[in-house]
Amino acid sequence: VDLKNVPIFVEGSSEIIENQLISIASRLSE
């Protein structure tokens, strides 16, 4: 499965962590 166009939903324990997860997930999906 190519995740490029797959919706990925993220949530973090803090705003900082959430932003980190957005950055990581954005390397997998648009």
PDB file of all heavy atoms in Angstrom:
ATOM      1  N   VAL A   1       0.853  -1.189   0.000  1.00  0.00           N
ATOM      2  CA  VAL A   1       0.000   0.000   0.000  1.00  0.00           C
ATOM      3  C   VAL A   1       0.888   1.238   0.000  1.00  0.00           C
ATOM      4  O   VAL A   1       1.763   1.383   0.860  1.00  0.00           O
ATOM      5  CB  VAL A   1      -0.925   0.028   1.237  1.00  0.00           C
ATOM      6  CG1 VAL A   1      -1.697   1.347   1.286  1.00  0.00           C
ATOM      7  CG2 VAL A   1      -1.897  -1.145   1.204  1.00  0.00           C
ATOM      8  N   ASP A   2       0.679   2.114  -0.969  1.00  0.00           N
ATOM      9  CA  ASP A   2       1.362   3.401  -1.005  1.00  0.00           C
ATOM     10  C   ASP A   2       0.542   4.375  -0.169  1.00  0.00           C
ATOM     11  O   ASP A   2      -0.633   4.630  -0.465  1.00  0.00           O
ATOM     12  CB  ASP A   2       1.475   3.894  -2.446  1.00  0.00           C
ATOM     13  CG  ASP A   2       2.294   5.170  -2.565  1.00  0.00           C
ATOM     14  OD1 ASP A   2       2.634   5.769  -1.519  1.00  0.00           O
ATOM     15  OD2 ASP A   2       2.586   5.585  -3.703  1.00  0.00           O
ATOM     16  N   LEU A   3       1.153   4.930   0.873  1.00  0.00           N
ATOM     17  CA  LEU A   3       0.425   5.791   1.793  1.00  0.00           C
ATOM     18  C   LEU A   3       0.332   7.244   1.335  1.00  0.00           C
ATOM     19  O   LEU A   3      -0.262   8.070   2.029  1.00  0.00           O
ATOM     20  CB  LEU A   3       1.093   5.748   3.178  1.00  0.00           C
ATOM     21  CG  LEU A   3       1.081   4.398   3.891  1.00  0.00           C
ATOM     22  CD1 LEU A   3       1.847   4.490   5.199  1.00  0.00           C
ATOM     23  CD2 LEU A   3      -0.345   3.931   4.138  1.00  0.00           C
ATOM     24  N   LYS A   4       0.887   7.565   0.182  1.00  0.00           N
ATOM     25  CA  LYS A   4       0.980   8.951  -0.253  1.00  0.00           C
ATOM     26  C   LYS A   4      -0.356   9.672  -0.217  1.00  0.00           C
ATOM     27  O   LYS A   4      -0.447  10.824   0.217  1.00  0.00           O
ATOM     28  CB  LYS A   4       1.565   9.017  -1.669  1.00  0.00           C
ATOM     29  CG  LYS A   4       1.729  10.431  -2.197  1.00  0.00           C
ATOM     30  CD  LYS A   4       2.325  10.436  -3.603  1.00  0.00           C
ATOM     31  CE  LYS A   4       2.469  11.850  -4.142  1.00  0.00           C
ATOM     32  NZ  LYS A   4       3.030  11.849  -5.526  1.00  0.00           N
ATOM     33  N   ASN A   5      -1.427   9.011  -0.672  1.00  0.00           N
ATOM     34  CA  ASN A   5      -2.745   9.646  -0.718  1.00  0.00           C
ATOM     35  C   ASN A   5      -3.699   9.106   0.341  1.00  0.00           C
ATOM     36  O   ASN A   5      -4.909   9.365   0.282  1.00  0.00           O
ATOM     37  CB  ASN A   5      -3.366   9.451  -2.106  1.00  0.00           C
ATOM     38  CG  ASN A   5      -2.605  10.204  -3.180  1.00  0.00           C
ATOM     39  OD1 ASN A   5      -2.314  11.389  -3.026  1.00  0.00           O
ATOM     40  ND2 ASN A   5      -2.270   9.508  -4.262  1.00  0.00           N
ATOM     41  N   VAL A   6      -3.161   8.382   1.309  1.00  0.00           N
ATOM     42  CA  VAL A   6      -3.982   7.817   2.384  1.00  0.00           C
ATOM     43  C   VAL A   6      -4.121   8.843   3.509  1.00  0.00           C
ATOM     44  O   VAL A   6      -3.119   9.370   3.992  1.00  0.00           O
ATOM     45  CB  VAL A   6      -3.347   6.524   2.936  1.00  0.00           C
ATOM     46  CG1 VAL A   6      -4.090   6.051   4.179  1.00  0.00           C
ATOM     47  CG2 VAL A   6      -3.360   5.437   1.861  1.00  0.00           C
ATOM     48  N   PRO A   7      -5.342   9.144   3.960  1.00  0.00           N
ATOM     49  CA  PRO A   7      -5.493  10.051   5.102  1.00  0.00           C
ATOM     50  C   PRO A   7      -4.848   9.464   6.355  1.00  0.00           C
ATOM     51  O   PRO A   7      -5.087   8.303   6.695  1.00  0.00           O
ATOM     52  CB  PRO A   7      -7.012  10.163   5.266  1.00  0.00           C
ATOM     53  CG  PRO A   7      -7.589   9.753   3.962  1.00  0.00           C
ATOM     54  CD  PRO A   7      -6.648   8.718   3.416  1.00  0.00           C
ATOM     55  N   ILE A   8      -4.013  10.255   7.017  1.00  0.00           N
ATOM     56  CA  ILE A   8      -3.406   9.846   8.281  1.00  0.00           C
ATOM     57  C   ILE A   8      -3.836  10.845   9.346  1.00  0.00           C
ATOM     58  O   ILE A   8      -3.686  12.058   9.177  1.00  0.00           O
ATOM     59  CB  ILE A   8      -1.875   9.794   8.192  1.00  0.00           C
ATOM     60  CG1 ILE A   8      -1.431   8.701   7.214  1.00  0.00           C
ATOM     61  CG2 ILE A   8      -1.263   9.538   9.567  1.00  0.00           C
ATOM     62  CD1 ILE A   8       0.073   8.532   7.102  1.00  0.00           C
ATOM     63  N   PHE A   9      -4.371  10.336  10.442  1.00  0.00           N
ATOM     64  CA  PHE A   9      -4.851  11.173  11.533  1.00  0.00           C
ATOM     65  C   PHE A   9      -3.898  11.042  12.727  1.00  0.00           C
ATOM     66  O   PHE A   9      -3.556   9.932  13.135  1.00  0.00           O
ATOM     67  CB  PHE A   9      -6.271  10.766  11.919  1.00  0.00           C
ATOM     68  CG  PHE A   9      -7.247  10.930  10.791  1.00  0.00           C
ATOM     69  CD1 PHE A   9      -7.516   9.873   9.922  1.00  0.00           C
ATOM     70  CD2 PHE A   9      -7.871  12.143  10.562  1.00  0.00           C
ATOM     71  CE1 PHE A   9      -8.398  10.025   8.856  1.00  0.00           C
ATOM     72  CE2 PHE A   9      -8.748  12.310   9.499  1.00  0.00           C
ATOM     73  CZ  PHE A   9      -9.021  11.253   8.651  1.00  0.00           C
ATOM     74  N   VAL A  10      -3.467  12.178  13.245  1.00  0.00           N
ATOM     75  CA  VAL A  10      -2.491  12.176  14.327  1.00  0.00           C
ATOM     76  C   VAL A  10      -3.046  12.904  15.538  1.00  0.00           C
ATOM     77  O   VAL A  10      -3.929  13.760  15.433  1.00  0.00           O
ATOM     78  CB  VAL A  10      -1.156  12.831  13.896  1.00  0.00           C
ATOM     79  CG1 VAL A  10      -0.562  12.117  12.699  1.00  0.00           C
ATOM     80  CG2 VAL A  10      -1.339  14.315  13.596  1.00  0.00           C
ATOM     81  N   GLU A  11      -2.491  12.550  16.683  1.00  0.00           N
ATOM     82  CA  GLU A  11      -2.823  13.203  17.951  1.00  0.00           C
ATOM     83  C   GLU A  11      -1.614  13.061  18.861  1.00  0.00           C
ATOM     84  O   GLU A  11      -0.984  12.005  18.893  1.00  0.00           O
ATOM     85  CB  GLU A  11      -4.057  12.543  18.580  1.00  0.00           C
ATOM     86  CG  GLU A  11      -4.531  13.213  19.854  1.00  0.00           C
ATOM     87  CD  GLU A  11      -5.731  12.511  20.470  1.00  0.00           C
ATOM     88  OE1 GLU A  11      -6.018  11.351  20.096  1.00  0.00           O
ATOM     89  OE2 GLU A  11      -6.372  13.119  21.336  1.00  0.00           O
ATOM     90  N   GLY A  12      -1.270  14.114  19.587  1.00  0.00           N
ATOM     91  CA  GLY A  12      -0.096  14.072  20.444  1.00  0.00           C
ATOM     92  C   GLY A  12      -0.400  14.446  21.877  1.00  0.00           C
ATOM     93  O   GLY A  12      -1.411  15.086  22.176  1.00  0.00           O
ATOM     94  N   SER A  13       0.500  14.070  22.771  1.00  0.00           N
ATOM     95  CA  SER A  13       0.329  14.342  24.196  1.00  0.00           C
ATOM     96  C   SER A  13       0.514  15.815  24.537  1.00  0.00           C
ATOM     97  O   SER A  13       0.162  16.258  25.626  1.00  0.00           O
ATOM     98  CB  SER A  13       1.308  13.495  25.012  1.00  0.00           C
ATOM     99  OG  SER A  13       2.643  13.698  24.562  1.00  0.00           O
ATOM    100  N   SER A  14       1.068  16.584  23.620  1.00  0.00           N
ATOM    101  CA  SER A  14       1.217  18.022  23.787  1.00  0.00           C
ATOM    102  C   SER A  14       1.258  18.651  22.401  1.00  0.00           C
ATOM    103  O   SER A  14       1.375  17.947  21.389  1.00  0.00           O
ATOM    104  CB  SER A  14       2.501  18.358  24.542  1.00  0.00           C
ATOM    105  OG  SER A  14       3.639  18.052  23.742  1.00  0.00           O
ATOM    106  N   GLU A  15       1.175  19.966  22.361  1.00  0.00           N
ATOM    107  CA  GLU A  15       1.220  20.644  21.061  1.00  0.00           C
ATOM    108  C   GLU A  15       2.551  20.400  20.365  1.00  0.00           C
ATOM    109  O   GLU A  15       2.605  20.210  19.144  1.00  0.00           O
ATOM    110  CB  GLU A  15       0.995  22.137  21.249  1.00  0.00           C
ATOM    111  CG  GLU A  15       0.944  22.916  19.938  1.00  0.00           C
ATOM    112  CD  GLU A  15       0.654  24.388  20.143  1.00  0.00           C
ATOM    113  OE1 GLU A  15       0.373  24.790  21.282  1.00  0.00           O
ATOM    114  OE2 GLU A  15       0.700  25.141  19.155  1.00  0.00           O
ATOM    115  N   ILE A  16       3.622  20.388  21.143  1.00  0.00           N
ATOM    116  CA  ILE A  16       4.947  20.153  20.564  1.00  0.00           C
ATOM    117  C   ILE A  16       5.012  18.760  19.941  1.00  0.00           C
ATOM    118  O   ILE A  16       5.468  18.586  18.805  1.00  0.00           O
ATOM    119  CB  ILE A  16       6.044  20.325  21.629  1.00  0.00           C
ATOM    120  CG1 ILE A  16       6.139  21.795  22.055  1.00  0.00           C
ATOM    121  CG2 ILE A  16       7.395  19.836  21.106  1.00  0.00           C
ATOM    122  CD1 ILE A  16       7.107  22.035  23.199  1.00  0.00           C
ATOM    123  N   ILE A  17       4.566  17.766  20.698  1.00  0.00           N
ATOM    124  CA  ILE A  17       4.590  16.389  20.194  1.00  0.00           C
ATOM    125  C   ILE A  17       3.667  16.247  18.995  1.00  0.00           C
ATOM    126  O   ILE A  17       4.005  15.568  18.007  1.00  0.00           O
ATOM    127  CB  ILE A  17       4.199  15.400  21.304  1.00  0.00           C
ATOM    128  CG1 ILE A  17       5.228  15.435  22.440  1.00  0.00           C
ATOM    129  CG2 ILE A  17       4.080  13.985  20.749  1.00  0.00           C
ATOM    130  CD1 ILE A  17       6.641  15.129  22.003  1.00  0.00           C
ATOM    131  N   GLU A  18       2.530  16.897  19.042  1.00  0.00           N
ATOM    132  CA  GLU A  18       1.605  16.818  17.917  1.00  0.00           C
ATOM    133  C   GLU A  18       2.234  17.362  16.636  1.00  0.00           C
ATOM    134  O   GLU A  18       2.089  16.780  15.557  1.00  0.00           O
ATOM    135  CB  GLU A  18       0.337  17.596  18.248  1.00  0.00           C
ATOM    136  CG  GLU A  18      -0.862  17.212  17.409  1.00  0.00           C
ATOM    137  CD  GLU A  18      -2.143  17.532  18.143  1.00  0.00           C
ATOM    138  OE1 GLU A  18      -2.560  18.706  18.095  1.00  0.00           O
ATOM    139  OE2 GLU A  18      -2.724  16.620  18.767  1.00  0.00           O
ATOM    140  N   ASN A  19       2.941  18.475  16.772  1.00  0.00           N
ATOM    141  CA  ASN A  19       3.630  19.047  15.606  1.00  0.00           C
ATOM    142  C   ASN A  19       4.712  18.109  15.095  1.00  0.00           C
ATOM    143  O   ASN A  19       4.942  18.010  13.877  1.00  0.00           O
ATOM    144  CB  ASN A  19       4.219  20.408  15.956  1.00  0.00           C
ATOM    145  CG  ASN A  19       3.154  21.480  16.106  1.00  0.00           C
ATOM    146  OD1 ASN A  19       2.082  21.389  15.507  1.00  0.00           O
ATOM    147  ND2 ASN A  19       3.429  22.497  16.915  1.00  0.00           N
ATOM    148  N   GLN A  20       5.391  17.425  16.017  1.00  0.00           N
ATOM    149  CA  GLN A  20       6.382  16.445  15.614  1.00  0.00           C
ATOM    150  C   GLN A  20       5.733  15.306  14.831  1.00  0.00           C
ATOM    151  O   GLN A  20       6.251  14.858  13.798  1.00  0.00           O
ATOM    152  CB  GLN A  20       7.097  15.881  16.847  1.00  0.00           C
ATOM    153  CG  GLN A  20       7.961  16.888  17.599  1.00  0.00           C
ATOM    154  CD  GLN A  20       9.293  17.100  16.914  1.00  0.00           C
ATOM    155  OE1 GLN A  20       9.954  16.147  16.539  1.00  0.00           O
ATOM    156  NE2 GLN A  20       9.684  18.354  16.757  1.00  0.00           N
ATOM    157  N   LEU A  21       4.574  14.852  15.307  1.00  0.00           N
ATOM    158  CA  LEU A  21       3.879  13.752  14.636  1.00  0.00           C
ATOM    159  C   LEU A  21       3.353  14.174  13.269  1.00  0.00           C
ATOM    160  O   LEU A  21       3.356  13.382  12.322  1.00  0.00           O
ATOM    161  CB  LEU A  21       2.727  13.243  15.510  1.00  0.00           C
ATOM    162  CG  LEU A  21       3.146  12.524  16.791  1.00  0.00           C
ATOM    163  CD1 LEU A  21       1.924  12.158  17.621  1.00  0.00           C
ATOM    164  CD2 LEU A  21       3.959  11.286  16.478  1.00  0.00           C
ATOM    165  N   ILE A  22       2.912  15.413  13.154  1.00  0.00           N
ATOM    166  CA  ILE A  22       2.488  15.926  11.849  1.00  0.00           C
ATOM    167  C   ILE A  22       3.661  15.869  10.869  1.00  0.00           C
ATOM    168  O   ILE A  22       3.511  15.449   9.712  1.00  0.00           O
ATOM    169  CB  ILE A  22       1.958  17.369  11.975  1.00  0.00           C
ATOM    170  CG1 ILE A  22       0.630  17.386  12.734  1.00  0.00           C
ATOM    171  CG2 ILE A  22       1.781  18.000  10.596  1.00  0.00           C
ATOM    172  CD1 ILE A  22       0.145  18.777  13.086  1.00  0.00           C
ATOM    173  N   SER A  23       4.835  16.285  11.336  1.00  0.00           N
ATOM    174  CA  SER A  23       6.022  16.277  10.478  1.00  0.00           C
ATOM    175  C   SER A  23       6.404  14.861  10.066  1.00  0.00           C
ATOM    176  O   SER A  23       6.748  14.609   8.908  1.00  0.00           O
ATOM    177  CB  SER A  23       7.195  16.950  11.198  1.00  0.00           C
ATOM    178  OG  SER A  23       6.922  18.310  11.458  1.00  0.00           O
ATOM    179  N   ILE A  24       6.349  13.939  11.017  1.00  0.00           N
ATOM    180  CA  ILE A  24       6.696  12.545  10.709  1.00  0.00           C
ATOM    181  C   ILE A  24       5.686  11.943   9.739  1.00  0.00           C
ATOM    182  O   ILE A  24       6.047  11.325   8.732  1.00  0.00           O
ATOM    183  CB  ILE A  24       6.770  11.713  12.007  1.00  0.00           C
ATOM    184  CG1 ILE A  24       7.948  12.170  12.867  1.00  0.00           C
ATOM    185  CG2 ILE A  24       6.893  10.220  11.680  1.00  0.00           C
ATOM    186  CD1 ILE A  24       7.951  11.584  14.270  1.00  0.00           C
ATOM    187  N   ALA A  25       4.385  12.111  10.036  1.00  0.00           N
ATOM    188  CA  ALA A  25       3.346  11.538   9.183  1.00  0.00           C
ATOM    189  C   ALA A  25       3.361  12.151   7.792  1.00  0.00           C
ATOM    190  O   ALA A  25       3.031  11.482   6.806  1.00  0.00           O
ATOM    191  CB  ALA A  25       1.973  11.726   9.834  1.00  0.00           C
ATOM    192  N   SER A  26       3.761  13.413   7.698  1.00  0.00           N
ATOM    193  CA  SER A  26       3.796  14.086   6.387  1.00  0.00           C
ATOM    194  C   SER A  26       4.874  13.524   5.480  1.00  0.00           C
ATOM    195  O   SER A  26       4.858  13.762   4.267  1.00  0.00           O
ATOM    196  CB  SER A  26       4.004  15.590   6.581  1.00  0.00           C
ATOM    197  OG  SER A  26       2.896  16.174   7.238  1.00  0.00           O
ATOM    198  N   ARG A  27       5.801  12.782   6.039  1.00  0.00           N
ATOM    199  CA  ARG A  27       6.796  12.098   5.223  1.00  0.00           C
ATOM    200  C   ARG A  27       6.207  10.846   4.581  1.00  0.00           C
ATOM    201  O   ARG A  27       6.759  10.293   3.636  1.00  0.00           O
ATOM    202  CB  ARG A  27       8.016  11.736   6.073  1.00  0.00           C
ATOM    203  CG  ARG A  27       8.727  12.969   6.604  1.00  0.00           C
ATOM    204  CD  ARG A  27       9.761  12.632   7.656  1.00  0.00           C
ATOM    205  NE  ARG A  27      10.882  11.876   7.122  1.00  0.00           N
ATOM    206  CZ  ARG A  27      11.974  11.560   7.836  1.00  0.00           C
ATOM    207  NH1 ARG A  27      12.059  11.962   9.097  1.00  0.00           N
ATOM    208  NH2 ARG A  27      12.944  10.876   7.284  1.00  0.00           N
ATOM    209  N   LEU A  28       5.066  10.402   5.106  1.00  0.00           N
ATOM    210  CA  LEU A  28       4.397   9.212   4.581  1.00  0.00           C
ATOM    211  C   LEU A  28       3.233   9.557   3.676  1.00  0.00           C
ATOM    212  O   LEU A  28       2.966   8.847   2.704  1.00  0.00           O
ATOM    213  CB  LEU A  28       3.879   8.350   5.739  1.00  0.00           C
ATOM    214  CG  LEU A  28       4.902   7.851   6.751  1.00  0.00           C
ATOM    215  CD1 LEU A  28       4.184   7.233   7.947  1.00  0.00           C
ATOM    216  CD2 LEU A  28       5.841   6.837   6.119  1.00  0.00           C
ATOM    217  N   SER A  29       2.513  10.621   3.997  1.00  0.00           N
ATOM    218  CA  SER A  29       1.282  10.952   3.289  1.00  0.00           C
ATOM    219  C   SER A  29       1.163  12.454   3.072  1.00  0.00           C
ATOM    220  O   SER A  29       1.673  13.252   3.859  1.00  0.00           O
ATOM    221  CB  SER A  29       0.070  10.460   4.097  1.00  0.00           C
ATOM    222  OG  SER A  29      -1.140  10.936   3.558  1.00  0.00           O
ATOM    223  N   GLU A  30       0.433  12.813   2.021  1.00  0.00           N
ATOM    224  CA  GLU A  30       0.149  14.217   1.747  1.00  0.00           C
ATOM    225  C   GLU A  30      -1.148  14.665   2.404  1.00  0.00           C
ATOM    226  O   GLU A  30      -1.539  15.825   2.286  1.00  0.00           O
ATOM    227  CB  GLU A  30       0.049  14.439   0.226  1.00  0.00           C
ATOM    228  CG  GLU A  30       1.356  14.168  -0.510  1.00  0.00           C
ATOM    229  CD  GLU A  30       1.206  14.330  -2.010  1.00  0.00           C
ATOM    230  OE1 GLU A  30       0.060  14.555  -2.471  1.00  0.00           O
ATOM    231  OE2 GLU A  30       2.233  14.243  -2.721  1.00  0.00           O
TER     232      GLU A  30
END
